[in-house]
Every structure is written in structure tokens, then in C-alpha cells.
Amino acid sequence: MGIMTASWYGPRFHGKITANGEIYNQMALTAAHKSLPFGTLLQITNLRNGKSIIVRINDRGPYIDGRDLDLSKGTAKTLGILHRGIVRVKVQEIVINSDTQPASTLN
């Protein structure tokens, strides 16, 4: 997916309903994007410090020009960006192959 500009959101929205109908938990590992399908998993890497986390898209936004992702406060804390506000991040979609069956442990 490439390099994106990310910001974070938290206290003002905590406990409110997200665009997909969930109750927003500012400490959950989630993010908002303008068009990615709800439930999409993304690996987000802070380009300044190399910290990385996997998040789930559960909301829409950000609604400020020049920003691509709005991260939850919990995600921002994990990535070390709470005090920066806006950062450049590397974004990779995590695709789970639904055709893969777990190996049987019963022989």
C-alpha cells in the first residue's frame, strides 16, 4: 500500500459509535480510512522509530486534507507517536488466506 500520513484520535470520540457500528474504544488497535473495507487488517510501521503494529479498519476518516489514516490512541501509543500528532507510516495490508486449513493434530 505504501507510505501514508497518519494522525490519531481518541478521548473526544471514546464511547461513540464508529462508522461500522462499533463502540469506539480509544485504546483498541484500530484505525479509520476513507475507503478501505471495514475489517481490513493493516500492518502500520512508524518510519521514525521502526515500531510496528497490526490494526483493523473500523471507522471512516480522516477528514483533513493530506491525511490518509486516523489511528486510535492505543495504536498511536504503541507506535510512539502520541506526542508527534502527524507522522509518515509504512502501510501493508495483511491478507489472511481463507483457503488454508489448519493442520490436523488428530491422527
PDB file of N, CA and C in Angstrom:
ATOM      1  N   MET A   1       0.815  -1.183   0.000  1.00  0.00           N
ATOM      2  CA  MET A   1       0.000   0.000   0.000  1.00  0.00           C
ATOM      3  C   MET A   1       0.862   1.251   0.000  1.00  0.00           C
ATOM      4  N   GLY A   2       2.022   1.186   0.665  1.00  0.00           N
ATOM      5  CA  GLY A   2       2.950   2.293   0.572  1.00  0.00           C
ATOM      6  C   GLY A   2       3.055   3.163   1.807  1.00  0.00           C
ATOM      7  N   ILE A   3       3.543   4.382   1.570  1.00  0.00           N
ATOM      8  CA  ILE A   3       3.762   5.352   2.637  1.00  0.00           C
ATOM      9  C   ILE A   3       2.530   6.253   2.731  1.00  0.00           C
ATOM     10  N   MET A   4       2.056   6.447   3.958  1.00  0.00           N
ATOM     11  CA  MET A   4       0.879   7.284   4.185  1.00  0.00           C
ATOM     12  C   MET A   4       1.140   8.245   5.334  1.00  0.00           C
ATOM     13  N   THR A   5       0.317   9.280   5.402  1.00  0.00           N
ATOM     14  CA  THR A   5       0.353  10.226   6.508  1.00  0.00           C
ATOM     15  C   THR A   5      -0.744   9.843   7.492  1.00  0.00           C
ATOM     16  N   ALA A   6      -0.359   9.686   8.749  1.00  0.00           N
ATOM     17  CA  ALA A   6      -1.309   9.255   9.774  1.00  0.00           C
ATOM     18  C   ALA A   6      -1.370  10.256  10.919  1.00  0.00           C
ATOM     19  N   SER A   7      -2.567  10.386  11.464  1.00  0.00           N
ATOM     20  CA  SER A   7      -2.796  11.146  12.688  1.00  0.00           C
ATOM     21  C   SER A   7      -3.496  10.196  13.653  1.00  0.00           C
ATOM     22  N   TRP A   8      -3.857  10.682  14.834  1.00  0.00           N
ATOM     23  CA  TRP A   8      -4.580   9.814  15.765  1.00  0.00           C
ATOM     24  C   TRP A   8      -5.733  10.570  16.407  1.00  0.00           C
ATOM     25  N   TYR A   9      -6.718   9.796  16.873  1.00  0.00           N
ATOM     26  CA  TYR A   9      -7.876  10.380  17.550  1.00  0.00           C
ATOM     27  C   TYR A   9      -8.234   9.527  18.749  1.00  0.00           C
ATOM     28  N   GLY A  10      -8.818  10.152  19.767  1.00  0.00           N
ATOM     29  CA  GLY A  10      -9.069   9.391  20.979  1.00  0.00           C
ATOM     30  C   GLY A  10     -10.168   9.906  21.864  1.00  0.00           C
ATOM     31  N   PRO A  11      -9.809  10.657  22.924  1.00  0.00           N
ATOM     32  CA  PRO A  11     -10.737  10.962  24.008  1.00  0.00           C
ATOM     33  C   PRO A  11     -12.086  11.538  23.577  1.00  0.00           C
ATOM     34  N   ARG A  12     -12.096  12.426  22.635  1.00  0.00           N
ATOM     35  CA  ARG A  12     -13.350  13.066  22.224  1.00  0.00           C
ATOM     36  C   ARG A  12     -14.338  12.086  21.594  1.00  0.00           C
ATOM     37  N   PHE A  13     -13.818  10.993  21.029  1.00  0.00           N
ATOM     38  CA  PHE A  13     -14.661  10.020  20.333  1.00  0.00           C
ATOM     39  C   PHE A  13     -14.881   8.736  21.127  1.00  0.00           C
ATOM     40  N   HIS A  14     -14.160   8.581  22.237  1.00  0.00           N
ATOM     41  CA  HIS A  14     -14.246   7.356  23.036  1.00  0.00           C
ATOM     42  C   HIS A  14     -15.688   7.106  23.480  1.00  0.00           C
ATOM     43  N   GLY A  15     -16.179   5.886  23.226  1.00  0.00           N
ATOM     44  CA  GLY A  15     -17.535   5.518  23.610  1.00  0.00           C
ATOM     45  C   GLY A  15     -18.603   5.852  22.585  1.00  0.00           C
ATOM     46  N   LYS A  16     -18.226   6.552  21.520  1.00  0.00           N
ATOM     47  CA  LYS A  16     -19.187   6.894  20.470  1.00  0.00           C
ATOM     48  C   LYS A  16     -19.218   5.785  19.420  1.00  0.00           C
ATOM     49  N   ILE A  17     -20.196   5.817  18.562  1.00  0.00           N
ATOM     50  CA  ILE A  17     -20.360   4.790  17.532  1.00  0.00           C
ATOM     51  C   ILE A  17     -19.472   5.105  16.327  1.00  0.00           C
ATOM     52  N   THR A  18     -18.713   4.098  15.865  1.00  0.00           N
ATOM     53  CA  THR A  18     -17.884   4.251  14.671  1.00  0.00           C
ATOM     54  C   THR A  18     -18.743   4.063  13.426  1.00  0.00           C
ATOM     55  N   ALA A  19     -18.152   4.317  12.270  1.00  0.00           N
ATOM     56  CA  ALA A  19     -18.873   4.195  11.001  1.00  0.00           C
ATOM     57  C   ALA A  19     -19.359   2.775  10.734  1.00  0.00           C
ATOM     58  N   ASN A  20     -18.702   1.768  11.318  1.00  0.00           N
ATOM     59  CA  ASN A  20     -19.162   0.390  11.095  1.00  0.00           C
ATOM     60  C   ASN A  20     -20.113  -0.085  12.194  1.00  0.00           C
ATOM     61  N   GLY A  21     -20.470   0.803  13.124  1.00  0.00           N
ATOM     62  CA  GLY A  21     -21.452   0.469  14.151  1.00  0.00           C
ATOM     63  C   GLY A  21     -20.881   0.016  15.482  1.00  0.00           C
ATOM     64  N   GLU A  22     -19.558  -0.111  15.587  1.00  0.00           N
ATOM     65  CA  GLU A  22     -18.927  -0.493  16.852  1.00  0.00           C
ATOM     66  C   GLU A  22     -18.870   0.706  17.795  1.00  0.00           C
ATOM     67  N   ILE A  23     -18.743   0.423  19.069  1.00  0.00           N
ATOM     68  CA  ILE A  23     -18.467   1.484  20.036  1.00  0.00           C
ATOM     69  C   ILE A  23     -16.963   1.722  20.018  1.00  0.00           C
ATOM     70  N   TYR A  24     -16.564   2.980  19.794  1.00  0.00           N
ATOM     71  CA  TYR A  24     -15.143   3.306  19.686  1.00  0.00           C
ATOM     72  C   TYR A  24     -14.450   3.169  21.036  1.00  0.00           C
ATOM     73  N   ASN A  25     -13.378   2.395  21.037  1.00  0.00           N
ATOM     74  CA  ASN A  25     -12.516   2.235  22.204  1.00  0.00           C
ATOM     75  C   ASN A  25     -11.174   2.836  21.826  1.00  0.00           C
ATOM     76  N   GLN A  26     -10.835   3.960  22.419  1.00  0.00           N
ATOM     77  CA  GLN A  26      -9.613   4.665  22.033  1.00  0.00           C
ATOM     78  C   GLN A  26      -8.339   3.855  22.264  1.00  0.00           C
ATOM     79  N   MET A  27      -8.391   2.832  23.116  1.00  0.00           N
ATOM     80  CA  MET A  27      -7.197   2.040  23.382  1.00  0.00           C
ATOM     81  C   MET A  27      -7.124   0.765  22.537  1.00  0.00           C
ATOM     82  N   ALA A  28      -8.145   0.489  21.747  1.00  0.00           N
ATOM     83  CA  ALA A  28      -8.124  -0.681  20.860  1.00  0.00           C
ATOM     84  C   ALA A  28      -7.165  -0.428  19.700  1.00  0.00           C
ATOM     85  N   LEU A  29      -6.704  -1.491  19.082  1.00  0.00           N
ATOM     86  CA  LEU A  29      -5.770  -1.376  17.958  1.00  0.00           C
ATOM     87  C   LEU A  29      -6.569  -1.299  16.662  1.00  0.00           C
ATOM     88  N   THR A  30      -7.086  -0.088  16.405  1.00  0.00           N
ATOM     89  CA  THR A  30      -7.943   0.145  15.251  1.00  0.00           C
ATOM     90  C   THR A  30      -7.510   1.409  14.527  1.00  0.00           C
ATOM     91  N   ALA A  31      -8.119   1.622  13.351  1.00  0.00           N
ATOM     92  CA  ALA A  31      -7.815   2.809  12.558  1.00  0.00           C
ATOM     93  C   ALA A  31      -9.001   3.154  11.673  1.00  0.00           C
ATOM     94  N   ALA A  32      -8.993   4.389  11.201  1.00  0.00           N
ATOM     95  CA  ALA A  32     -10.004   4.866  10.265  1.00  0.00           C
ATOM     96  C   ALA A  32      -9.340   5.158   8.924  1.00  0.00           C
ATOM     97  N   HIS A  33     -10.050   4.829   7.845  1.00  0.00           N
ATOM     98  CA  HIS A  33      -9.597   5.116   6.488  1.00  0.00           C
ATOM     99  C   HIS A  33     -10.817   5.518   5.680  1.00  0.00           C
ATOM    100  N   LYS A  34     -10.606   6.344   4.663  1.00  0.00           N
ATOM    101  CA  LYS A  34     -11.736   6.856   3.890  1.00  0.00           C
ATOM    102  C   LYS A  34     -12.462   5.791   3.083  1.00  0.00           C
ATOM    103  N   SER A  35     -11.747   4.762   2.604  1.00  0.00           N
ATOM    104  CA  SER A  35     -12.409   3.829   1.682  1.00  0.00           C
ATOM    105  C   SER A  35     -12.098   2.349   1.875  1.00  0.00           C
ATOM    106  N   LEU A  36     -11.092   1.989   2.645  1.00  0.00           N
ATOM    107  CA  LEU A  36     -10.795   0.565   2.824  1.00  0.00           C
ATOM    108  C   LEU A  36     -11.975  -0.135   3.483  1.00  0.00           C
ATOM    109  N   PRO A  37     -12.260  -1.371   3.091  1.00  0.00           N
ATOM    110  CA  PRO A  37     -13.383  -2.097   3.700  1.00  0.00           C
ATOM    111  C   PRO A  37     -13.190  -2.271   5.208  1.00  0.00           C
ATOM    112  N   PHE A  38     -14.303  -2.187   5.941  1.00  0.00           N
ATOM    113  CA  PHE A  38     -14.249  -2.457   7.373  1.00  0.00           C
ATOM    114  C   PHE A  38     -13.722  -3.864   7.591  1.00  0.00           C
ATOM    115  N   GLY A  39     -12.881  -4.023   8.596  1.00  0.00           N
ATOM    116  CA  GLY A  39     -12.289  -5.320   8.890  1.00  0.00           C
ATOM    117  C   GLY A  39     -10.933  -5.535   8.247  1.00  0.00           C
ATOM    118  N   THR A  40     -10.544  -4.665   7.309  1.00  0.00           N
ATOM    119  CA  THR A  40      -9.227  -4.784   6.683  1.00  0.00           C
ATOM    120  C   THR A  40      -8.150  -4.701   7.759  1.00  0.00           C
ATOM    121  N   LEU A  41      -7.182  -5.609   7.686  1.00  0.00           N
ATOM    122  CA  LEU A  41      -6.053  -5.599   8.619  1.00  0.00           C
ATOM    123  C   LEU A  41      -4.860  -4.935   7.950  1.00  0.00           C
ATOM    124  N   LEU A  42      -4.222  -4.033   8.668  1.00  0.00           N
ATOM    125  CA  LEU A  42      -3.055  -3.326   8.152  1.00  0.00           C
ATOM    126  C   LEU A  42      -1.906  -3.425   9.134  1.00  0.00           C
ATOM    127  N   GLN A  43      -0.707  -3.639   8.598  1.00  0.00           N
ATOM    128  CA  GLN A  43       0.493  -3.508   9.418  1.00  0.00           C
ATOM    129  C   GLN A  43       0.978  -2.083   9.225  1.00  0.00           C
ATOM    130  N   ILE A  44       1.066  -1.344  10.322  1.00  0.00           N
ATOM    131  CA  ILE A  44       1.488   0.052  10.307  1.00  0.00           C
ATOM    132  C   ILE A  44       2.862   0.132  10.953  1.00  0.00           C
ATOM    133  N   THR A  45       3.822   0.755  10.248  1.00  0.00           N
ATOM    134  CA  THR A  45       5.178   0.908  10.776  1.00  0.00           C
ATOM    135  C   THR A  45       5.534   2.384  10.835  1.00  0.00           C
ATOM    136  N   ASN A  46       5.928   2.849  12.010  1.00  0.00           N
ATOM    137  CA  ASN A  46       6.395   4.215  12.198  1.00  0.00           C
ATOM    138  C   ASN A  46       7.767   4.323  11.536  1.00  0.00           C
ATOM    139  N   LEU A  47       7.887   5.180  10.541  1.00  0.00           N
ATOM    140  CA  LEU A  47       9.152   5.301   9.808  1.00  0.00           C
ATOM    141  C   LEU A  47      10.251   5.947  10.642  1.00  0.00           C
ATOM    142  N   ARG A  48       9.908   6.673  11.692  1.00  0.00           N
ATOM    143  CA  ARG A  48      10.923   7.340  12.519  1.00  0.00           C
ATOM    144  C   ARG A  48      11.608   6.401  13.498  1.00  0.00           C
ATOM    145  N   ASN A  49      10.852   5.408  14.026  1.00  0.00           N
ATOM    146  CA  ASN A  49      11.454   4.547  15.052  1.00  0.00           C
ATOM    147  C   ASN A  49      11.368   3.051  14.743  1.00  0.00           C
ATOM    148  N   GLY A  50      10.714   2.675  13.649  1.00  0.00           N
ATOM    149  CA  GLY A  50      10.630   1.270  13.252  1.00  0.00           C
ATOM    150  C   GLY A  50       9.589   0.450  13.994  1.00  0.00           C
ATOM    151  N   LYS A  51       8.873   1.054  14.961  1.00  0.00           N
ATOM    152  CA  LYS A  51       7.847   0.304  15.693  1.00  0.00           C
ATOM    153  C   LYS A  51       6.692  -0.022  14.753  1.00  0.00           C
ATOM    154  N   SER A  52       6.130  -1.230  14.956  1.00  0.00           N
ATOM    155  CA  SER A  52       5.107  -1.717  14.038  1.00  0.00           C
ATOM    156  C   SER A  52       3.983  -2.408  14.803  1.00  0.00           C
ATOM    157  N   ILE A  53       2.772  -2.351  14.253  1.00  0.00           N
ATOM    158  CA  ILE A  53       1.603  -2.973  14.878  1.00  0.00           C
ATOM    159  C   ILE A  53       0.595  -3.322  13.785  1.00  0.00           C
ATOM    160  N   ILE A  54      -0.247  -4.307  14.070  1.00  0.00           N
ATOM    161  CA  ILE A  54      -1.337  -4.656  13.152  1.00  0.00           C
ATOM    162  C   ILE A  54      -2.630  -4.078  13.712  1.00  0.00           C
ATOM    163  N   VAL A  55      -3.371  -3.373  12.855  1.00  0.00           N
ATOM    164  CA  VAL A  55      -4.636  -2.749  13.253  1.00  0.00           C
ATOM    165  C   VAL A  55      -5.754  -3.201  12.319  1.00  0.00           C
ATOM    166  N   ARG A  56      -6.978  -2.954  12.770  1.00  0.00           N
ATOM    167  CA  ARG A  56      -8.167  -3.295  11.983  1.00  0.00           C
ATOM    168  C   ARG A  56      -8.920  -2.006  11.657  1.00  0.00           C
ATOM    169  N   ILE A  57      -9.343  -1.867  10.404  1.00  0.00           N
ATOM    170  CA  ILE A  57     -10.135  -0.703   9.999  1.00  0.00           C
ATOM    171  C   ILE A  57     -11.563  -0.871  10.513  1.00  0.00           C
ATOM    172  N   ASN A  58     -12.020   0.108  11.315  1.00  0.00           N
ATOM    173  CA  ASN A  58     -13.386   0.042  11.848  1.00  0.00           C
ATOM    174  C   ASN A  58     -14.117   1.381  11.782  1.00  0.00           C
ATOM    175  N   ASP A  59     -13.510   2.367  11.100  1.00  0.00           N
ATOM    176  CA  ASP A  59     -14.123   3.691  11.060  1.00  0.00           C
ATOM    177  C   ASP A  59     -13.735   4.397   9.761  1.00  0.00           C
ATOM    178  N   ARG A  60     -14.368   5.522   9.498  1.00  0.00           N
ATOM    179  CA  ARG A  60     -14.069   6.344   8.328  1.00  0.00           C
ATOM    180  C   ARG A  60     -13.352   7.612   8.761  1.00  0.00           C
ATOM    181  N   GLY A  61     -12.511   8.103   7.883  1.00  0.00           N
ATOM    182  CA  GLY A  61     -11.726   9.305   8.137  1.00  0.00           C
ATOM    183  C   GLY A  61     -10.304   9.042   7.678  1.00  0.00           C
ATOM    184  N   PRO A  62      -9.396   9.921   7.906  1.00  0.00           N
ATOM    185  CA  PRO A  62      -9.582  11.241   8.491  1.00  0.00           C
ATOM    186  C   PRO A  62     -10.220  12.212   7.487  1.00  0.00           C
ATOM    187  N   TYR A  63     -10.784  13.267   7.993  1.00  0.00           N
ATOM    188  CA  TYR A  63     -11.462  14.244   7.149  1.00  0.00           C
ATOM    189  C   TYR A  63     -10.694  15.552   7.058  1.00  0.00           C
ATOM    190  N   ILE A  64      -9.375  15.437   7.117  1.00  0.00           N
ATOM    191  CA  ILE A  64      -8.486  16.586   6.962  1.00  0.00           C
ATOM    192  C   ILE A  64      -7.589  16.302   5.767  1.00  0.00           C
ATOM    193  N   ASP A  65      -7.531  17.245   4.825  1.00  0.00           N
ATOM    194  CA  ASP A  65      -6.712  17.065   3.624  1.00  0.00           C
ATOM    195  C   ASP A  65      -5.272  16.727   3.988  1.00  0.00           C
ATOM    196  N   GLY A  66      -4.698  15.815   3.219  1.00  0.00           N
ATOM    197  CA  GLY A  66      -3.310  15.436   3.408  1.00  0.00           C
ATOM    198  C   GLY A  66      -3.095  14.304   4.392  1.00  0.00           C
ATOM    199  N   ARG A  67      -4.148  13.836   5.029  1.00  0.00           N
ATOM    200  CA  ARG A  67      -4.030  12.715   5.966  1.00  0.00           C
ATOM    201  C   ARG A  67      -4.735  11.496   5.382  1.00  0.00           C
ATOM    202  N   ASP A  68      -4.099  10.335   5.553  1.00  0.00           N
ATOM    203  CA  ASP A  68      -4.617   9.099   4.973  1.00  0.00           C
ATOM    204  C   ASP A  68      -5.243   8.165   5.996  1.00  0.00           C
ATOM    205  N   LEU A  69      -4.734   8.177   7.209  1.00  0.00           N
ATOM    206  CA  LEU A  69      -5.207   7.281   8.268  1.00  0.00           C
ATOM    207  C   LEU A  69      -5.397   8.057   9.562  1.00  0.00           C
ATOM    208  N   ASP A  70      -6.418   7.684  10.313  1.00  0.00           N
ATOM    209  CA  ASP A  70      -6.584   8.145  11.687  1.00  0.00           C
ATOM    210  C   ASP A  70      -6.422   6.916  12.568  1.00  0.00           C
ATOM    211  N   LEU A  71      -5.433   6.925  13.426  1.00  0.00           N
ATOM    212  CA  LEU A  71      -5.149   5.793  14.299  1.00  0.00           C
ATOM    213  C   LEU A  71      -5.801   6.003  15.660  1.00  0.00           C
ATOM    214  N   SER A  72      -6.182   4.919  16.309  1.00  0.00           N
ATOM    215  CA  SER A  72      -6.686   5.026  17.679  1.00  0.00           C
ATOM    216  C   SER A  72      -5.549   5.485  18.593  1.00  0.00           C
ATOM    217  N   LYS A  73      -5.911   5.997  19.761  1.00  0.00           N
ATOM    218  CA  LYS A  73      -4.899   6.424  20.732  1.00  0.00           C
ATOM    219  C   LYS A  73      -4.008   5.252  21.131  1.00  0.00           C
ATOM    220  N   GLY A  74      -4.599   4.064  21.306  1.00  0.00           N
ATOM    221  CA  GLY A  74      -3.817   2.880  21.662  1.00  0.00           C
ATOM    222  C   GLY A  74      -2.790   2.527  20.601  1.00  0.00           C
ATOM    223  N   THR A  75      -3.192   2.650  19.337  1.00  0.00           N
ATOM    224  CA  THR A  75      -2.263   2.391  18.236  1.00  0.00           C
ATOM    225  C   THR A  75      -1.157   3.439  18.234  1.00  0.00           C
ATOM    226  N   ALA A  76      -1.536   4.704  18.393  1.00  0.00           N
ATOM    227  CA  ALA A  76      -0.550   5.788  18.411  1.00  0.00           C
ATOM    228  C   ALA A  76       0.449   5.605  19.550  1.00  0.00           C
ATOM    229  N   LYS A  77      -0.046   5.189  20.712  1.00  0.00           N
ATOM    230  CA  LYS A  77       0.840   4.958  21.860  1.00  0.00           C
ATOM    231  C   LYS A  77       1.827   3.840  21.555  1.00  0.00           C
ATOM    232  N   THR A  78       1.323   2.736  20.995  1.00  0.00           N
ATOM    233  CA  THR A  78       2.185   1.597  20.664  1.00  0.00           C
ATOM    234  C   THR A  78       3.261   1.993  19.655  1.00  0.00           C
ATOM    235  N   LEU A  79       2.899   2.839  18.696  1.00  0.00           N
ATOM    236  CA  LEU A  79       3.846   3.267  17.664  1.00  0.00           C
ATOM    237  C   LEU A  79       4.754   4.406  18.126  1.00  0.00           C
ATOM    238  N   GLY A  80       4.501   4.940  19.313  1.00  0.00           N
ATOM    239  CA  GLY A  80       5.337   6.019  19.837  1.00  0.00           C
ATOM    240  C   GLY A  80       5.086   7.358  19.174  1.00  0.00           C
ATOM    241  N   ILE A  81       3.823   7.648  18.811  1.00  0.00           N
ATOM    242  CA  ILE A  81       3.537   8.903  18.108  1.00  0.00           C
ATOM    243  C   ILE A  81       2.559   9.814  18.851  1.00  0.00           C
ATOM    244  N   LEU A  82       2.249   9.505  20.107  1.00  0.00           N
ATOM    245  CA  LEU A  82       1.279  10.330  20.840  1.00  0.00           C
ATOM    246  C   LEU A  82       1.668  11.806  20.866  1.00  0.00           C
ATOM    247  N   HIS A  83       2.934  12.099  21.002  1.00  0.00           N
ATOM    248  CA  HIS A  83       3.368  13.489  21.131  1.00  0.00           C
ATOM    249  C   HIS A  83       3.725  14.129  19.795  1.00  0.00           C
ATOM    250  N   ARG A  84       3.682  13.370  18.722  1.00  0.00           N
ATOM    251  CA  ARG A  84       4.006  13.913  17.408  1.00  0.00           C
ATOM    252  C   ARG A  84       2.759  14.386  16.667  1.00  0.00           C
ATOM    253  N   GLY A  85       1.655  13.701  16.853  1.00  0.00           N
ATOM    254  CA  GLY A  85       0.414  14.111  16.202  1.00  0.00           C
ATOM    255  C   GLY A  85       0.246  13.569  14.797  1.00  0.00           C
ATOM    256  N   ILE A  86       1.134  13.951  13.897  1.00  0.00           N
ATOM    257  CA  ILE A  86       1.068  13.508  12.500  1.00  0.00           C
ATOM    258  C   ILE A  86       2.412  12.897  12.131  1.00  0.00           C
ATOM    259  N   VAL A  87       2.369  11.715  11.524  1.00  0.00           N
ATOM    260  CA  VAL A  87       3.608  11.028  11.136  1.00  0.00           C
ATOM    261  C   VAL A  87       3.433  10.333   9.791  1.00  0.00           C
ATOM    262  N   ARG A  88       4.552  10.025   9.178  1.00  0.00           N
ATOM    263  CA  ARG A  88       4.565   9.213   7.961  1.00  0.00           C
ATOM    264  C   ARG A  88       4.759   7.772   8.402  1.00  0.00           C
ATOM    265  N   VAL A  89       3.943   6.889   7.848  1.00  0.00           N
ATOM    266  CA  VAL A  89       3.995   5.478   8.207  1.00  0.00           C
ATOM    267  C   VAL A  89       4.012   4.621   6.951  1.00  0.00           C
ATOM    268  N   LYS A  90       4.607   3.446   7.092  1.00  0.00           N
ATOM    269  CA  LYS A  90       4.555   2.444   6.031  1.00  0.00           C
ATOM    270  C   LYS A  90       3.337   1.578   6.314  1.00  0.00           C
ATOM    271  N   VAL A  91       2.527   1.330   5.287  1.00  0.00           N
ATOM    272  CA  VAL A  91       1.288   0.578   5.454  1.00  0.00           C
ATOM    273  C   VAL A  91       1.288  -0.624   4.520  1.00  0.00           C
ATOM    274  N   GLN A  92       1.053  -1.796   5.105  1.00  0.00           N
ATOM    275  CA  GLN A  92       0.949  -3.035   4.335  1.00  0.00           C
ATOM    276  C   GLN A  92      -0.345  -3.730   4.729  1.00  0.00           C
ATOM    277  N   GLU A  93      -1.111  -4.179   3.725  1.00  0.00           N
ATOM    278  CA  GLU A  93      -2.332  -4.921   4.024  1.00  0.00           C
ATOM    279  C   GLU A  93      -1.974  -6.347   4.409  1.00  0.00           C
ATOM    280  N   ILE A  94      -2.614  -6.851   5.438  1.00  0.00           N
ATOM    281  CA  ILE A  94      -2.437  -8.230   5.878  1.00  0.00           C
ATOM    282  C   ILE A  94      -3.577  -9.041   5.273  1.00  0.00           C
ATOM    283  N   VAL A  95      -3.230  -9.997   4.425  1.00  0.00           N
ATOM    284  CA  VAL A  95      -4.241 -10.832   3.780  1.00  0.00           C
ATOM    285  C   VAL A  95      -4.194 -12.209   4.411  1.00  0.00           C
ATOM    286  N   ILE A  96      -5.324 -12.639   4.917  1.00  0.00           N
ATOM    287  CA  ILE A  96      -5.426 -13.968   5.509  1.00  0.00           C
ATOM    288  C   ILE A  96      -6.060 -14.875   4.472  1.00  0.00           C
ATOM    289  N   ASN A  97      -5.354 -15.916   4.110  1.00  0.00           N
ATOM    290  CA  ASN A  97      -5.826 -16.845   3.087  1.00  0.00           C
ATOM    291  C   ASN A  97      -6.878 -17.761   3.689  1.00  0.00           C
ATOM    292  N   SER A  98      -8.128 -17.560   3.304  1.00  0.00           N
ATOM    293  CA  SER A  98      -9.217 -18.366   3.862  1.00  0.00           C
ATOM    294  C   SER A  98      -9.231 -19.788   3.309  1.00  0.00           C
ATOM    295  N   ASP A  99      -8.437 -20.054   2.268  1.00  0.00           N
ATOM    296  CA  ASP A  99      -8.371 -21.402   1.704  1.00  0.00           C
ATOM    297  C   ASP A  99      -7.472 -22.320   2.521  1.00  0.00           C
ATOM    298  N   THR A 100      -6.646 -21.735   3.378  1.00  0.00           N
ATOM    299  CA  THR A 100      -5.706 -22.521   4.169  1.00  0.00           C
ATOM    300  C   THR A 100      -6.435 -23.181   5.331  1.00  0.00           C
ATOM    301  N   GLN A 101      -6.265 -24.468   5.463  1.00  0.00           N
ATOM    302  CA  GLN A 101      -6.868 -25.220   6.556  1.00  0.00           C
ATOM    303  C   GLN A 101      -5.788 -25.527   7.586  1.00  0.00           C
ATOM    304  N   PRO A 102      -6.108 -25.428   8.869  1.00  0.00           N
ATOM    305  CA  PRO A 102      -5.103 -25.773   9.880  1.00  0.00           C
ATOM    306  C   PRO A 102      -4.754 -27.253   9.804  1.00  0.00           C
ATOM    307  N   ALA A 103      -3.527 -27.549  10.094  1.00  0.00           N
ATOM    308  CA  ALA A 103      -3.095 -28.949  10.085  1.00  0.00           C
ATOM    309  C   ALA A 103      -3.798 -29.703  11.201  1.00  0.00           C
ATOM    310  N   SER A 104      -4.238 -30.887  10.912  1.00  0.00           N
ATOM    311  CA  SER A 104      -4.923 -31.701  11.911  1.00  0.00           C
ATOM    312  C   SER A 104      -3.910 -32.268  12.890  1.00  0.00           C
ATOM    313  N   THR A 105      -4.262 -32.208  14.162  1.00  0.00           N
ATOM    314  CA  THR A 105      -3.381 -32.797  15.176  1.00  0.00           C
ATOM    315  C   THR A 105      -3.924 -34.139  15.647  1.00  0.00           C
ATOM    316  N   LEU A 106      -5.060 -34.541  15.087  1.00  0.00           N
ATOM    317  CA  LEU A 106      -5.647 -35.838  15.436  1.00  0.00           C
ATOM    318  C   LEU A 106      -5.322 -36.831  14.327  1.00  0.00           C
ATOM    319  N   ASN A 107      -4.536 -37.825  14.639  1.00  0.00           N
ATOM    320  CA  ASN A 107      -4.155 -38.802  13.612  1.00  0.00           C
ATOM    321  C   ASN A 107      -4.873 -40.095  13.792  1.00  0.00           C
TER     322      ASN A 107
END
